[in-house]
Amino acid sequence: FQVLPRVLGQGGKPNAFAFKVARLLGQHVGEEQLRRRARLIQDLMQTVGPLAGVAATAVGSIYAGLKGLLG
């Protein structure tokens, strides 16, 4: 768990997973465009990950509350 934030938080170059996703999205682009796309994907992963966790927690709380009220 301590390795993941360091890998995602690298400043200059995107991580390997972001490069793989960028290659899957567009294989016939130049190296610089691929790097920019991978950087964008990495930034989105850093933003969407915590938001998904918050959303899942909220949905779980709502479900538990409704289940408690309705039986």
Protein backbone atom coordinates (compact mmCIF):
# COMPACT_ATOMS: atom_id res chain seq x y z
CA PHE A 1 0.00 0.00 0.00
CA GLN A 2 2.93 2.36 0.51
CA VAL A 3 4.25 1.74 -3.00
CA LEU A 4 1.05 2.77 -4.80
CA PRO A 5 0.99 6.48 -3.82
CA ARG A 6 4.66 6.84 -4.74
CA VAL A 7 4.10 5.25 -8.14
CA LEU A 8 1.04 7.39 -8.87
CA GLY A 9 2.67 10.52 -7.53
CA GLN A 10 5.67 10.56 -9.86
CA GLY A 11 6.21 14.03 -11.17
CA GLY A 12 7.71 13.81 -14.63
CA LYS A 13 6.72 10.65 -16.42
CA PRO A 14 3.44 8.73 -16.29
CA ASN A 15 3.36 5.27 -14.78
CA ALA A 16 3.37 2.05 -16.79
CA PHE A 17 -0.36 1.39 -16.37
CA ALA A 18 -1.23 4.81 -17.79
CA PHE A 19 1.04 4.11 -20.78
CA LYS A 20 -0.71 0.79 -21.41
CA VAL A 21 -4.14 2.41 -21.32
CA ALA A 22 -2.93 5.22 -23.59
CA ARG A 23 -1.63 2.68 -26.11
CA LEU A 24 -4.95 0.83 -26.04
CA LEU A 25 -6.85 4.06 -26.73
CA GLY A 26 -4.75 5.10 -29.70
CA GLN A 27 -1.96 2.97 -31.08
CA HIS A 28 -1.00 5.07 -34.08
CA VAL A 29 0.12 8.31 -32.48
CA GLY A 30 3.54 9.78 -31.89
CA GLU A 31 5.58 9.22 -28.76
CA GLU A 32 4.98 12.73 -27.42
CA GLN A 33 1.22 12.47 -27.93
CA LEU A 34 1.25 9.08 -26.23
CA ARG A 35 3.12 10.57 -23.27
CA ARG A 36 0.65 13.46 -22.97
CA ARG A 37 -2.29 11.08 -23.15
CA ALA A 38 -0.76 8.82 -20.50
CA ARG A 39 -0.16 11.83 -18.23
CA LEU A 40 -3.80 12.87 -18.61
CA ILE A 41 -4.97 9.33 -17.84
CA GLN A 42 -2.77 9.24 -14.74
CA ASP A 43 -4.16 12.57 -13.53
CA LEU A 44 -7.71 11.31 -14.08
CA MET A 45 -6.97 8.13 -12.13
CA GLN A 46 -5.71 10.21 -9.21
CA THR A 47 -8.91 12.27 -9.25
CA VAL A 48 -11.51 9.61 -10.03
CA GLY A 49 -10.19 7.01 -7.58
CA PRO A 50 -10.98 8.91 -4.37
CA LEU A 51 -14.26 10.20 -5.82
CA ALA A 52 -15.36 6.64 -6.54
CA GLY A 53 -14.56 5.70 -2.95
CA VAL A 54 -16.61 8.59 -1.60
CA ALA A 55 -19.52 7.72 -3.91
CA ALA A 56 -19.44 4.05 -2.89
CA THR A 57 -19.43 5.02 0.78
CA ALA A 58 -22.38 7.37 0.28
CA VAL A 59 -24.39 4.71 -1.58
CA GLY A 60 -23.64 2.18 1.13
CA SER A 61 -24.72 4.59 3.85
CA ILE A 62 -27.96 5.42 2.05
CA TYR A 63 -28.69 1.74 1.53
CA ALA A 64 -28.03 0.90 5.18
CA GLY A 65 -30.22 3.79 6.32
CA LEU A 66 -33.12 2.83 4.08
CA LYS A 67 -32.81 -0.82 5.05
CA GLY A 68 -32.89 0.18 8.72
CA LEU A 69 -35.99 2.35 8.24
CA LEU A 70 -37.93 -0.01 6.01
CA GLY A 71 -36.92 -3.21 7.72
